[in-house]
C-alpha atoms as a PDB file:
ATOM      1  CA  MET A   1     116.059 105.806 134.977  1.00  0.00           C
ATOM      2  CA  GLN A   2     113.217 108.541 134.138  1.00  0.00           C
ATOM      3  CA  PRO A   3     113.498 109.937 130.275  1.00  0.00           C
ATOM      4  CA  LEU A   4     115.385 113.419 130.398  1.00  0.00           C
ATOM      5  CA  ILE A   5     113.700 116.238 129.448  1.00  0.00           C
ATOM      6  CA  ASP A   6     114.751 117.795 126.159  1.00  0.00           C
ATOM      7  CA  ALA A   7     116.856 114.727 125.410  1.00  0.00           C
ATOM      8  CA  LEU A   8     117.708 113.964 121.617  1.00  0.00           C
ATOM      9  CA  ILE A   9     119.053 110.687 119.884  1.00  0.00           C
ATOM     10  CA  PHE A  10     120.247 110.823 116.455  1.00  0.00           C
ATOM     11  CA  ILE A  11     120.157 107.665 114.443  1.00  0.00           C
ATOM     12  CA  VAL A  12     122.455 107.225 111.804  1.00  0.00           C
ATOM     13  CA  ASP A  13     122.203 104.087 109.585  1.00  0.00           C
ATOM     14  CA  ASP A  14     121.500 103.254 106.032  1.00  0.00           C
ATOM     15  CA  ASP A  15     119.024 100.661 106.356  1.00  0.00           C
ATOM     16  CA  ALA A  16     115.447 102.608 106.640  1.00  0.00           C
ATOM     17  CA  SER A  17     114.037  99.133 108.465  1.00  0.00           C
ATOM     18  CA  VAL A  18     116.555  99.575 111.297  1.00  0.00           C
ATOM     19  CA  ARG A  19     116.076 103.254 111.606  1.00  0.00           C
ATOM     20  CA  GLU A  20     112.284 102.812 111.718  1.00  0.00           C
ATOM     21  CA  ALA A  21     112.432  99.980 114.237  1.00  0.00           C
ATOM     22  CA  LEU A  22     114.764 102.140 116.556  1.00  0.00           C
ATOM     23  CA  ALA A  23     112.692 105.281 116.217  1.00  0.00           C
ATOM     24  CA  TRP A  24     109.460 103.282 117.138  1.00  0.00           C
ATOM     25  CA  LEU A  25     111.464 101.772 120.203  1.00  0.00           C
ATOM     26  CA  LEU A  26     112.503 105.218 121.504  1.00  0.00           C
ATOM     27  CA  ARG A  27     109.153 106.642 121.147  1.00  0.00           C
ATOM     28  CA  SER A  28     107.765 103.733 123.225  1.00  0.00           C
ATOM     29  CA  ARG A  29     110.118 104.923 126.084  1.00  0.00           C
ATOM     30  CA  ARG A  30     109.394 108.537 125.543  1.00  0.00           C
ATOM     31  CA  LEU A  31     112.500 109.274 123.743  1.00  0.00           C
ATOM     32  CA  VAL A  32     112.821 111.713 120.933  1.00  0.00           C
ATOM     33  CA  SER A  33     114.977 110.918 117.802  1.00  0.00           C
ATOM     34  CA  GLU A  34     116.247 112.204 114.497  1.00  0.00           C
ATOM     35  CA  GLN A  35     116.966 109.739 111.570  1.00  0.00           C
ATOM     36  CA  PHE A  36     119.610 110.017 108.980  1.00  0.00           C
ATOM     37  CA  ALA A  37     120.298 107.532 106.176  1.00  0.00           C
ATOM     38  CA  SER A  38     123.654 108.655 105.872  1.00  0.00           C
ATOM     39  CA  ALA A  39     127.028 110.128 107.682  1.00  0.00           C
ATOM     40  CA  GLU A  40     126.712 112.945 104.926  1.00  0.00           C
ATOM     41  CA  ALA A  41     123.130 113.922 105.926  1.00  0.00           C
ATOM     42  CA  PHE A  42     123.847 113.895 109.548  1.00  0.00           C
ATOM     43  CA  GLU A  43     126.739 116.081 108.958  1.00  0.00           C
ATOM     44  CA  ALA A  44     124.719 118.602 106.927  1.00  0.00           C
ATOM     45  CA  ARG A  45     122.220 118.762 109.808  1.00  0.00           C
ATOM     46  CA  LEU A  46     125.117 119.518 112.495  1.00  0.00           C
ATOM     47  CA  ALA A  47     126.170 122.335 110.204  1.00  0.00           C
ATOM     48  CA  GLU A  48     122.962 123.982 109.824  1.00  0.00           C
ATOM     49  CA  GLU A  49     121.810 123.407 113.426  1.00  0.00           C
ATOM     50  CA  PRO A  50     124.965 122.868 116.078  1.00  0.00           C
ATOM     51  CA  LEU A  51     123.857 120.999 119.059  1.00  0.00           C
ATOM     52  CA  THR A  52     122.029 122.612 121.734  1.00  0.00           C
ATOM     53  CA  ASP A  53     122.832 122.695 125.546  1.00  0.00           C
ATOM     54  CA  HIS A  54     120.727 119.634 126.227  1.00  0.00           C
ATOM     55  CA  PRO A  55     121.318 115.962 126.370  1.00  0.00           C
ATOM     56  CA  HIS A  56     122.118 113.951 123.057  1.00  0.00           C
ATOM     57  CA  CYS A  57     123.566 110.598 121.839  1.00  0.00           C
ATOM     58  CA  LEU A  58     124.114 109.046 118.614  1.00  0.00           C
ATOM     59  CA  LEU A  59     123.288 105.567 117.510  1.00  0.00           C
ATOM     60  CA  LEU A  60     125.759 105.058 114.626  1.00  0.00           C
ATOM     61  CA  ASP A  61     125.742 101.998 111.999  1.00  0.00           C
ATOM     62  CA  VAL A  62     129.629 100.964 111.453  1.00  0.00           C
ATOM     63  CA  ARG A  63     129.394 100.144 107.969  1.00  0.00           C
ATOM     64  CA  MET A  64     127.492 102.655 105.371  1.00  0.00           C
ATOM     65  CA  PRO A  65     127.945 103.557 101.838  1.00  0.00           C
ATOM     66  CA  GLY A  66     130.064 106.623 101.391  1.00  0.00           C
ATOM     67  CA  THR A  67     131.424 107.957 104.702  1.00  0.00           C
ATOM     68  CA  SER A  68     131.370 105.201 107.147  1.00  0.00           C
ATOM     69  CA  GLY A  69     130.430 105.181 110.550  1.00  0.00           C
ATOM     70  CA  LEU A  70     134.156 104.891 111.715  1.00  0.00           C
ATOM     71  CA  VAL A  71     135.220 107.873 109.705  1.00  0.00           C
ATOM     72  CA  LEU A  72     132.282 110.119 111.018  1.00  0.00           C
ATOM     73  CA  PHE A  73     132.987 108.886 114.512  1.00  0.00           C
ATOM     74  CA  ASP A  74     136.615 110.014 113.951  1.00  0.00           C
ATOM     75  CA  ARG A  75     135.556 113.661 112.662  1.00  0.00           C
ATOM     76  CA  LEU A  76     133.235 114.185 115.622  1.00  0.00           C
ATOM     77  CA  ALA A  77     136.011 113.258 118.133  1.00  0.00           C
ATOM     78  CA  GLU A  78     138.304 115.907 116.116  1.00  0.00           C
ATOM     79  CA  ARG A  79     135.477 118.425 116.954  1.00  0.00           C
ATOM     80  CA  GLY A  80     135.484 117.614 120.628  1.00  0.00           C
ATOM     81  CA  LEU A  81     131.715 116.304 120.365  1.00  0.00           C
ATOM     82  CA  LEU A  82     131.954 113.255 121.771  1.00  0.00           C
ATOM     83  CA  ASP A  83     131.555 114.138 125.778  1.00  0.00           C
ATOM     84  CA  ALA A  84     128.268 115.978 124.673  1.00  0.00           C
ATOM     85  CA  MET A  85     127.137 113.388 122.409  1.00  0.00           C
ATOM     86  CA  PRO A  86     128.212 109.860 123.232  1.00  0.00           C
ATOM     87  CA  VAL A  87     128.209 107.343 120.321  1.00  0.00           C
ATOM     88  CA  ILE A  88     126.798 104.020 120.753  1.00  0.00           C
ATOM     89  CA  PHE A  89     127.748 101.869 117.394  1.00  0.00           C
ATOM     90  CA  LEU A  90     125.404  99.446 115.831  1.00  0.00           C
ATOM     91  CA  THR A  91     127.259  96.683 114.566  1.00  0.00           C
ATOM     92  CA  GLY A  92     127.014  92.965 112.930  1.00  0.00           C
ATOM     93  CA  HIS A  93     129.091  90.281 114.416  1.00  0.00           C
ATOM     94  CA  ALA A  94     131.867  90.742 111.997  1.00  0.00           C
ATOM     95  CA  ASP A  95     132.298  94.501 113.086  1.00  0.00           C
ATOM     96  CA  VAL A  96     132.376  93.614 116.871  1.00  0.00           C
ATOM     97  CA  PRO A  97     136.431  93.959 117.052  1.00  0.00           C
ATOM     98  CA  THR A  98     136.089  97.256 115.243  1.00  0.00           C
ATOM     99  CA  ALA A  99     133.635  98.409 117.428  1.00  0.00           C
ATOM    100  CA  VAL A 100     135.616  97.310 120.458  1.00  0.00           C
ATOM    101  CA  ASP A 101     138.682  99.354 119.060  1.00  0.00           C
ATOM    102  CA  ALA A 102     136.476 102.562 118.476  1.00  0.00           C
ATOM    103  CA  VAL A 103     135.134 102.243 122.422  1.00  0.00           C
ATOM    104  CA  LYS A 104     138.989 102.293 123.388  1.00  0.00           C
ATOM    105  CA  ARG A 105     139.230 105.490 121.206  1.00  0.00           C
ATOM    106  CA  GLY A 106     136.226 107.102 122.984  1.00  0.00           C
ATOM    107  CA  ALA A 107     132.944 105.662 121.829  1.00  0.00           C
ATOM    108  CA  PHE A 108     130.485 105.204 124.427  1.00  0.00           C
ATOM    109  CA  ASP A 109     129.736 101.615 123.757  1.00  0.00           C
ATOM    110  CA  PHE A 110     128.348  99.305 121.007  1.00  0.00           C
ATOM    111  CA  CYS A 111     125.456  97.117 120.452  1.00  0.00           C
ATOM    112  CA  GLU A 112     125.196  94.076 118.242  1.00  0.00           C
ATOM    113  CA  LYS A 113     122.507  93.469 115.826  1.00  0.00           C
ATOM    114  CA  PRO A 114     119.963  92.027 116.310  1.00  0.00           C
ATOM    115  CA  PHE A 115     120.122  93.973 119.644  1.00  0.00           C
ATOM    116  CA  SER A 116     118.115  93.693 122.917  1.00  0.00           C
ATOM    117  CA  ASP A 117     115.444  96.371 123.058  1.00  0.00           C
ATOM    118  CA  ASN A 118     115.778  96.623 126.851  1.00  0.00           C
ATOM    119  CA  ALA A 119     119.672  96.598 126.818  1.00  0.00           C
ATOM    120  CA  LEU A 120     119.866  99.049 124.127  1.00  0.00           C
ATOM    121  CA  VAL A 121     117.686 101.531 125.889  1.00  0.00           C
ATOM    122  CA  ASP A 122     119.616 100.955 129.015  1.00  0.00           C
ATOM    123  CA  ARG A 123     122.735 102.112 127.172  1.00  0.00           C
ATOM    124  CA  ILE A 124     121.023 104.706 125.514  1.00  0.00           C
ATOM    125  CA  GLU A 125     119.724 106.306 128.641  1.00  0.00           C
ATOM    126  CA  HIS A 126     123.352 106.065 130.339  1.00  0.00           C
ATOM    127  CA  ALA A 127     124.550 107.756 127.397  1.00  0.00           C
ATOM    128  CA  LEU A 128     122.238 110.450 127.911  1.00  0.00           C
ATOM    129  CA  GLY A 129     123.227 110.800 131.545  1.00  0.00           C
ATOM    130  CA  ALA A 130     126.887 111.112 130.672  1.00  0.00           C
ATOM    131  CA  SER A 131     125.937 113.815 128.042  1.00  0.00           C
ATOM    132  CA  LEU A 132     124.054 115.567 130.499  1.00  0.00           C
ATOM    133  CA  ARG A 133     127.073 115.785 132.977  1.00  0.00           C
ATOM    134  CA  ALA A 134     129.190 116.871 130.136  1.00  0.00           C
ATOM    135  CA  VAL A 135     126.788 119.792 129.380  1.00  0.00           C
ATOM    136  CA  GLU A 136     126.404 120.891 132.853  1.00  0.00           C
ATOM    137  CA  ALA A 137     130.079 121.027 133.212  1.00  0.00           C
ATOM    138  CA  ARG A 138     130.530 123.067 130.085  1.00  0.00           C
ATOM    139  CA  ARG A 139     128.028 125.401 131.465  1.00  0.00           C
ATOM    140  CA  THR A 140     129.732 125.678 134.860  1.00  0.00           C
ATOM    141  CA  ARG A 141     132.725 126.557 132.873  1.00  0.00           C
ATOM    142  CA  GLN A 142     131.297 129.104 130.708  1.00  0.00           C
ATOM    143  CA  LEU A 143     129.814 130.644 133.729  1.00  0.00           C
ATOM    144  CA  LEU A 144     132.962 130.747 135.686  1.00  0.00           C
ATOM    145  CA  LYS A 145     134.820 132.164 132.861  1.00  0.00           C
ATOM    146  CA  ARG A 146     132.180 134.989 132.777  1.00  0.00           C
ATOM    147  CA  ARG A 147     132.601 135.765 136.347  1.00  0.00           C
ATOM    148  CA  ILE A 148     136.473 136.001 135.737  1.00  0.00           C
ATOM    149  CA  ASP A 149     136.084 138.202 133.004  1.00  0.00           C
ATOM    150  CA  GLU A 150     134.311 140.663 135.091  1.00  0.00           C
ATOM    151  CA  LEU A 151     137.139 141.101 137.440  1.00  0.00           C
ATOM    152  CA  THR A 152     139.461 143.909 137.118  1.00  0.00           C
ATOM    153  CA  GLU A 153     143.188 143.184 136.490  1.00  0.00           C
ATOM    154  CA  ARG A 154     143.951 144.158 140.096  1.00  0.00           C
ATOM    155  CA  GLU A 155     141.154 142.054 141.301  1.00  0.00           C
ATOM    156  CA  ARG A 156     142.589 139.101 139.413  1.00  0.00           C
ATOM    157  CA  ASP A 157     146.001 139.892 140.916  1.00  0.00           C
ATOM    158  CA  VAL A 158     144.630 139.670 144.405  1.00  0.00           C
ATOM    159  CA  MET A 159     142.676 136.456 143.653  1.00  0.00           C
ATOM    160  CA  ARG A 160     145.724 134.606 142.455  1.00  0.00           C
ATOM    161  CA  CYS A 161     147.401 135.443 145.810  1.00  0.00           C
ATOM    162  CA  VAL A 162     144.323 134.660 147.718  1.00  0.00           C
ATOM    163  CA  VAL A 163     144.211 130.976 145.996  1.00  0.00           C
ATOM    164  CA  GLU A 164     147.884 130.582 146.694  1.00  0.00           C
ATOM    165  CA  GLY A 165     146.885 131.095 150.489  1.00  0.00           C
ATOM    166  CA  LEU A 166     148.996 134.183 151.356  1.00  0.00           C
ATOM    167  CA  PRO A 167     147.801 136.482 154.098  1.00  0.00           C
ATOM    168  CA  ASN A 168     146.577 139.964 153.235  1.00  0.00           C
ATOM    169  CA  LYS A 169     149.733 141.556 154.545  1.00  0.00           C
ATOM    170  CA  LEU A 170     152.025 139.421 152.232  1.00  0.00           C
ATOM    171  CA  ILE A 171     149.402 140.249 149.303  1.00  0.00           C
ATOM    172  CA  ALA A 172     149.706 143.924 150.129  1.00  0.00           C
ATOM    173  CA  ASP A 173     153.557 143.704 150.268  1.00  0.00           C
ATOM    174  CA  GLN A 174     153.840 141.509 147.267  1.00  0.00           C
ATOM    175  CA  LEU A 175     151.511 143.918 145.207  1.00  0.00           C
ATOM    176  CA  ALA A 176     152.798 147.205 146.608  1.00  0.00           C
ATOM    177  CA  ILE A 177     149.321 148.136 147.672  1.00  0.00           C
ATOM    178  CA  SER A 178     147.832 148.613 151.485  1.00  0.00           C
ATOM    179  CA  VAL A 179     146.395 146.131 153.548  1.00  0.00           C
ATOM    180  CA  ARG A 180     142.889 148.092 153.387  1.00  0.00           C
ATOM    181  CA  THR A 181     143.082 147.986 149.376  1.00  0.00           C
ATOM    182  CA  VAL A 182     143.618 144.262 149.368  1.00  0.00           C
ATOM    183  CA  GLU A 183     140.553 143.703 151.797  1.00  0.00           C
ATOM    184  CA  VAL A 184     138.490 145.672 149.273  1.00  0.00           C
ATOM    185  CA  HIS A 185     139.576 143.986 146.142  1.00  0.00           C
ATOM    186  CA  ARG A 186     139.504 140.458 148.496  1.00  0.00           C
ATOM    187  CA  ALA A 187     135.811 141.305 149.135  1.00  0.00           C
ATOM    188  CA  ARG A 188     134.811 142.230 145.531  1.00  0.00           C
ATOM    189  CA  VAL A 189     136.642 139.081 144.187  1.00  0.00           C
ATOM    190  CA  PHE A 190     134.374 137.139 146.643  1.00  0.00           C
ATOM    191  CA  GLU A 191     131.329 138.833 145.597  1.00  0.00           C
ATOM    192  CA  LYS A 192     131.887 138.605 141.945  1.00  0.00           C
ATOM    193  CA  MET A 193     133.003 134.924 142.307  1.00  0.00           C
ATOM    194  CA  GLU A 194     130.082 134.320 144.521  1.00  0.00           C
ATOM    195  CA  VAL A 195     132.072 132.470 147.152  1.00  0.00           C
ATOM    196  CA  LYS A 196     132.491 132.923 150.715  1.00  0.00           C
ATOM    197  CA  SER A 197     135.976 131.916 151.742  1.00  0.00           C
ATOM    198  CA  ALA A 198     139.539 131.312 150.050  1.00  0.00           C
ATOM    199  CA  VAL A 199     138.897 127.568 149.957  1.00  0.00           C
ATOM    200  CA  GLU A 200     135.795 127.686 148.335  1.00  0.00           C
ATOM    201  CA  LEU A 201     137.386 130.005 145.730  1.00  0.00           C
ATOM    202  CA  ALA A 202     140.259 127.653 145.223  1.00  0.00           C
ATOM    203  CA  ASN A 203     137.976 124.684 144.847  1.00  0.00           C
ATOM    204  CA  LEU A 204     135.962 126.748 142.357  1.00  0.00           C
ATOM    205  CA  LEU A 205     138.913 127.659 140.000  1.00  0.00           C
ATOM    206  CA  ARG A 206     139.950 123.839 139.647  1.00  0.00           C
ATOM    207  CA  GLY A 207     137.193 123.741 137.128  1.00  0.00           C
ATOM    208  CA  VAL A 208     138.688 126.467 135.000  1.00  0.00           C
END
């Protein structure tokens, strides 16, 4: 897999040697990273600078002084950040069952220390791919919402009827307007929503 443009990997581990080794590994694969010695430091970074619309993933140590990796993971899950920022736990042998449980609760994966460089990078690249898909889906939803917000109330009424598969005559009867008016609103809906057919419109709205 080719490196993703503007991708960023966060490394949260209290062991400086582990952080440096991971950062070096990522640089050797043309991947950019940021290092944090604690969950608190990472949360402060997120508070100062929210995630951008680029692929991210988080390499997170399970056990750390202060806020543990598991507690941080739960906080990120509560904020709905796991799709855009998949979490890969870094764990010692004793913590494998804990990491497996975290995967069941939404973590992307875990890697046991000492880890294989190639295996870890492979999982990171897959996590970044999942992040990219989540980011693109969010962009699509936001764009779709903006288009819907641009519709007038009457255009939304017509759109709902069109999506239900009603012909223009029945839409006119249901909304107490003329067929010609329905045709005008229908054309405007198609133009604003950037679709060419009722089927395309229905498929598009499934993403809302």
